[in-house]
Each structure stands twice: as C-alpha cells, then as structure tokens.
Amino acid sequence: MTDKILVVEDQPRVVRLISEILRAVRYEVLVAGDGKQALEMVSLEQPDLVLLDVLLPGDMDGYEICRRLREFSSVPIIMLTAKARDADVLTGFDAGADDYLTKPFNAKELLARVKAVLRRSQRPEETTTATFVCGDLEIDYARHAVTCGGKTVSLTRTEYALLRELALNANRVLSHPELLTAVWGPEYRDELDYLRAYVRYLRRKIEPDPSNPCYIETLPGVGYMLSCPDDE
C-alpha cells in the first residue's frame, strides 16, 4: 500500500518541490495551505505522515497546528523550519513533533527523514506486559506509559523510544551511534547534536533536577546510560 503524506505549506514553489520529490518515489501527496485545512485533512484523509511548515498564514503556526493534531491523532509529524536553534527544535518536540528538517534541504535529506519516521511509526507493537522500575521512574511497556514519582509523564513517540532503549540496556553505556541507530535508524548515526537535544528534553521531563541528572548519565565523548542502582 502506498503511504499517504500531507504537506502543510503555503509557498507554491516549496509545495511543488516537495511534491515532485515524494511522487518520484511513489508516495501519495496531499497538500494543505493553512492550519484549518490541515486539521480537516488529517481527520478526513488519515495520512501516514505530515510534513508541517512552522510559518503559515492565519492564526495558527506550525507549533499550534501540531498541538491540535495531537489532541486527536498520533500521525507522525516532521516539522519544516528555517530555524535551527535548540529552543525552536525543543518547541517542536514539546508540541508533539517526531522529527524536524531545516530549510533549505535537498531531496536526499527529505527522503531519508520521511523513510526513517515512517519506519519508526510502523514498527510492530510490543506484546510484553513487563514493567520497568528504576527508583521513582516506571515504564509500562505494554501501554507505552511512563510515570515518575507517581505522576504521568507525557512523551512523544520518539522520546518514548529513546527512553525505552536506555531502559532495556539499563546500567550499560550506549554509544552515540548505537542510540541513534537503534532509535532513529542508520541514517541518523552521525546526528550527535540531534541526540543531545532529545536527551536534554527527556531529562526535563523525568529528572527531579535536569541540571544534575540522576537517571540519564552522560559519558563524555562516549554516550549515555540509564543509571538504575540495584535496590536489593
């Protein structure tokens, strides 16, 4: 079955470029020019992926559209942005985006991101009923639910995948390439800044003091480890 991709972009030249790239490898392409149309099309057309520009006409920018989509849909979202600052990237993650792509980009970059996000979203669901507990941190693998100190932690699909990979290898250092390949795919194995941004944001959600983390440890120049002392 052909994957259906919704492009939310108001610049005709950019829409044509993206559409040509995607159709050349046989993706079905839908287009929305503003937030209202994007929300309607996701509801009616059920796309497999959304490419969402940050700057759009009307009263909703890409971040707001992303937040509203997350109220009723888990469709994977890649934000398209001319901004590459950490604050802008984290704003997108907080809104519920799965990935981001900085303009200008080429066909190879776009297709790599699209294929990787689609692949992650189509992984088989876990069937285990096991629960991982590490101090106040608890992960219910079957429900994809995370709590910390008894409070539910809201994670995006990718944040959960990163935490899960660390938990499955608790107390073992995972190198940067290992984590990037396992969570995002081989296309991302050199995206160190990308991994650092996700770890920083994940710490903000699960660490009592993000500036002095007790769960996710950094091994400078090597990688990260989920530290979980044996309580017995």
Protein backbone atom coordinates (compact mmCIF):
# COMPACT_ATOMS: atom_id res chain seq x y z
CA MET A 1 0.00 0.00 0.00
CA THR A 2 1.27 3.48 -0.90
CA ASP A 3 1.99 5.75 2.05
CA LYS A 4 -0.01 8.98 2.04
CA ILE A 5 1.83 12.17 3.02
CA LEU A 6 0.18 15.51 3.83
CA VAL A 7 2.32 18.57 3.03
CA VAL A 8 1.26 21.64 5.03
CA GLU A 9 2.97 24.54 3.28
CA ASP A 10 1.73 27.85 1.79
CA GLN A 11 4.58 28.60 -0.66
CA PRO A 12 3.72 27.14 -4.09
CA ARG A 13 7.37 26.73 -5.10
CA VAL A 14 8.16 24.71 -1.98
CA VAL A 15 4.99 22.64 -2.38
CA ARG A 16 5.94 21.78 -5.97
CA LEU A 17 9.47 20.82 -4.98
CA ILE A 18 8.39 18.57 -2.10
CA SER A 19 5.57 17.02 -4.12
CA GLU A 20 7.89 16.16 -7.03
CA ILE A 21 10.43 14.55 -4.70
CA LEU A 22 7.81 12.45 -2.92
CA ARG A 23 5.86 11.42 -6.01
CA ALA A 24 9.08 10.38 -7.75
CA VAL A 25 9.36 7.54 -5.22
CA ARG A 26 5.62 6.80 -5.41
CA TYR A 27 4.29 8.43 -2.24
CA GLU A 28 0.75 9.79 -2.48
CA VAL A 29 0.82 13.53 -1.76
CA LEU A 30 -1.90 15.73 -0.23
CA VAL A 31 -1.50 19.48 0.26
CA ALA A 32 -2.92 21.94 2.80
CA GLY A 33 -2.11 25.65 2.78
CA ASP A 34 -3.10 26.61 6.32
CA GLY A 35 -3.90 25.22 9.74
CA LYS A 36 -7.66 24.88 9.35
CA GLN A 37 -7.29 22.91 6.14
CA ALA A 38 -4.53 20.75 7.65
CA LEU A 39 -6.66 19.73 10.64
CA GLU A 40 -9.59 18.88 8.38
CA MET A 41 -7.45 16.80 6.00
CA VAL A 42 -5.81 14.80 8.78
CA SER A 43 -9.24 13.99 10.17
CA LEU A 44 -10.75 13.06 6.80
CA GLU A 45 -7.83 11.57 4.88
CA GLN A 46 -5.90 9.82 7.68
CA PRO A 47 -2.42 10.40 6.18
CA ASP A 48 0.53 8.24 7.20
CA LEU A 49 2.79 11.27 7.76
CA VAL A 50 2.54 15.07 7.95
CA LEU A 51 5.25 17.46 6.72
CA LEU A 52 4.39 20.65 8.60
CA ASP A 53 5.92 24.07 7.96
CA VAL A 54 6.38 26.27 11.02
CA LEU A 55 5.48 29.59 9.39
CA LEU A 56 1.98 29.56 7.93
CA PRO A 57 -0.73 32.15 7.23
CA GLY A 58 -3.70 32.57 9.55
CA ASP A 59 -3.97 32.38 13.32
CA MET A 60 -2.12 29.05 13.72
CA ASP A 61 1.58 28.49 13.19
CA GLY A 62 3.05 25.02 12.78
CA TYR A 63 3.55 24.54 16.51
CA GLU A 64 -0.09 25.27 17.28
CA ILE A 65 -1.27 23.00 14.46
CA CYS A 66 0.95 20.25 15.85
CA ARG A 67 -0.55 20.66 19.33
CA ARG A 68 -4.08 20.49 17.95
CA LEU A 69 -3.30 17.43 15.87
CA ARG A 70 -2.02 15.68 18.97
CA GLU A 71 -5.42 16.16 20.60
CA PHE A 72 -6.95 13.59 18.23
CA SER A 73 -4.19 11.96 16.15
CA SER A 74 -0.88 10.13 16.61
CA VAL A 75 0.13 10.66 12.97
CA PRO A 76 3.93 11.14 12.66
CA ILE A 77 4.86 14.80 12.13
CA ILE A 78 8.05 16.24 10.66
CA MET A 79 8.40 19.99 11.21
CA LEU A 80 9.90 22.04 8.37
CA THR A 81 11.69 25.08 9.72
CA ALA A 82 14.17 27.74 8.69
CA LYS A 83 15.24 27.93 12.34
CA ALA A 84 17.83 25.50 13.67
CA ARG A 85 18.23 26.85 17.22
CA ASP A 86 17.80 24.36 20.06
CA ALA A 87 14.93 26.41 21.51
CA ASP A 88 12.96 26.16 18.27
CA VAL A 89 13.63 22.43 17.92
CA LEU A 90 12.53 21.80 21.52
CA THR A 91 9.38 23.84 20.95
CA GLY A 92 8.54 21.45 18.12
CA PHE A 93 9.23 18.39 20.27
CA ASP A 94 7.10 19.83 23.07
CA ALA A 95 4.23 20.35 20.64
CA GLY A 96 4.39 16.68 19.68
CA ALA A 97 6.59 16.59 16.57
CA ASP A 98 8.51 13.40 15.79
CA ASP A 99 11.31 14.99 13.78
CA TYR A 100 12.40 18.23 12.14
CA LEU A 101 14.09 19.24 8.92
CA THR A 102 15.84 22.56 8.46
CA LYS A 103 15.36 24.55 5.27
CA PRO A 104 16.88 24.55 2.76
CA PHE A 105 17.09 20.79 2.31
CA ASN A 106 17.77 18.51 -0.65
CA ALA A 107 15.86 15.50 -1.93
CA LYS A 108 18.16 13.00 -0.22
CA GLU A 109 17.72 14.64 3.18
CA LEU A 110 13.94 14.85 2.83
CA LEU A 111 13.51 11.24 1.74
CA ALA A 112 15.83 9.95 4.46
CA ARG A 113 13.78 11.72 7.15
CA VAL A 114 10.46 10.59 5.66
CA LYS A 115 11.54 6.96 5.34
CA ALA A 116 13.02 6.86 8.84
CA VAL A 117 9.96 8.37 10.54
CA LEU A 118 7.57 6.11 8.62
CA ARG A 119 9.68 3.09 9.55
CA ARG A 120 9.62 4.03 13.25
CA SER A 121 5.88 4.60 13.22
CA GLN A 122 5.20 1.25 11.57
CA ARG A 123 7.23 -0.90 13.96
CA PRO A 124 5.19 -3.79 15.44
CA GLU A 125 3.63 -3.08 18.82
CA GLU A 126 5.31 -4.68 21.80
CA THR A 127 3.42 -7.63 23.26
CA THR A 128 5.27 -7.88 26.57
CA THR A 129 3.42 -6.98 29.75
CA ALA A 130 6.63 -6.29 31.66
CA THR A 131 7.09 -3.15 33.68
CA PHE A 132 10.46 -1.48 34.22
CA VAL A 133 11.05 0.23 37.57
CA CYS A 134 14.03 2.38 38.43
CA GLY A 135 13.62 4.45 41.58
CA ASP A 136 10.60 6.69 41.01
CA LEU A 137 10.69 6.06 37.27
CA GLU A 138 8.32 3.40 35.91
CA ILE A 139 7.73 2.26 32.32
CA ASP A 140 4.79 0.08 31.34
CA TYR A 141 5.99 -1.38 28.04
CA ALA A 142 2.61 -2.80 27.05
CA ARG A 143 0.80 0.51 27.47
CA HIS A 144 3.70 2.76 26.40
CA ALA A 145 3.06 4.60 29.66
CA VAL A 146 5.67 6.36 31.77
CA THR A 147 5.28 7.66 35.32
CA CYS A 148 7.78 9.42 37.55
CA GLY A 149 7.08 9.94 41.22
CA GLY A 150 3.57 8.61 40.63
CA LYS A 151 2.81 11.28 38.02
CA THR A 152 2.17 10.51 34.35
CA VAL A 153 4.90 11.76 32.02
CA SER A 154 3.75 12.77 28.55
CA LEU A 155 6.31 11.70 25.96
CA THR A 156 6.31 11.88 22.19
CA ARG A 157 6.73 8.67 20.22
CA THR A 158 10.44 9.32 19.73
CA GLU A 159 11.08 10.37 23.33
CA TYR A 160 9.46 7.13 24.50
CA ALA A 161 11.57 5.11 22.04
CA LEU A 162 14.75 6.75 23.36
CA LEU A 163 13.82 6.13 27.00
CA ARG A 164 12.82 2.54 26.23
CA GLU A 165 16.15 1.82 24.53
CA LEU A 166 18.03 3.20 27.53
CA ALA A 167 15.83 1.20 29.95
CA LEU A 168 16.27 -2.05 28.05
CA ASN A 169 20.02 -1.52 28.46
CA ALA A 170 19.94 -0.09 32.00
CA ASN A 171 23.35 0.34 33.63
CA ARG A 172 25.08 -0.20 30.30
CA VAL A 173 26.67 2.62 28.35
CA LEU A 174 25.20 3.01 24.87
CA SER A 175 27.41 4.86 22.41
CA HIS A 176 26.07 7.77 20.42
CA PRO A 177 25.95 5.75 17.15
CA GLU A 178 24.26 2.83 18.94
CA LEU A 179 21.47 5.02 20.29
CA LEU A 180 20.97 6.98 17.10
CA THR A 181 20.81 3.82 15.00
CA ALA A 182 18.52 1.94 17.39
CA VAL A 183 16.03 4.77 17.92
CA TRP A 184 16.12 6.77 14.69
CA GLY A 185 17.77 4.49 12.16
CA PRO A 186 21.14 4.22 10.41
CA GLU A 187 20.53 7.49 8.54
CA TYR A 188 20.93 9.33 11.86
CA ARG A 189 24.05 7.65 13.28
CA ASP A 190 26.13 10.85 12.97
CA GLU A 191 23.47 13.30 14.24
CA LEU A 192 25.08 13.91 17.63
CA ASP A 193 23.52 17.35 18.17
CA TYR A 194 20.16 15.78 17.46
CA LEU A 195 20.64 13.13 20.16
CA ARG A 196 21.87 15.72 22.67
CA ALA A 197 18.75 17.81 22.11
CA TYR A 198 16.46 14.83 22.72
CA VAL A 199 18.35 13.73 25.84
CA ARG A 200 18.22 17.27 27.23
CA TYR A 201 14.49 17.47 26.66
CA LEU A 202 13.83 13.98 28.03
CA ARG A 203 15.72 14.95 31.18
CA ARG A 204 13.43 17.93 31.62
CA LYS A 205 10.52 15.52 31.78
CA ILE A 206 11.84 12.71 34.00
CA GLU A 207 14.66 14.14 36.13
CA PRO A 208 13.91 15.77 39.52
CA ASP A 209 16.76 18.19 38.74
CA PRO A 210 17.57 18.22 34.99
CA SER A 211 20.79 20.17 35.61
CA ASN A 212 22.01 17.37 37.90
CA PRO A 213 20.53 14.22 36.35
CA CYS A 214 20.25 11.05 38.39
CA TYR A 215 18.74 8.77 35.72
CA ILE A 216 20.33 9.56 32.36
CA GLU A 217 24.09 9.81 32.80
CA THR A 218 26.44 11.32 30.23
CA LEU A 219 29.71 9.58 29.47
CA PRO A 220 31.61 12.43 27.75
CA GLY A 221 32.71 11.54 24.25
CA VAL A 222 31.13 8.09 24.51
CA GLY A 223 27.38 8.04 25.03
CA TYR A 224 24.61 7.76 27.62
CA MET A 225 23.47 5.31 30.29
CA LEU A 226 20.27 4.93 32.28
CA SER A 227 21.56 4.52 35.82
CA CYS A 228 19.41 2.22 37.91
CA PRO A 229 21.03 1.02 41.17
CA ASP A 230 20.02 -2.39 42.47
CA ASP A 231 17.83 -1.77 45.49
CA GLU A 232 18.21 -5.26 46.83
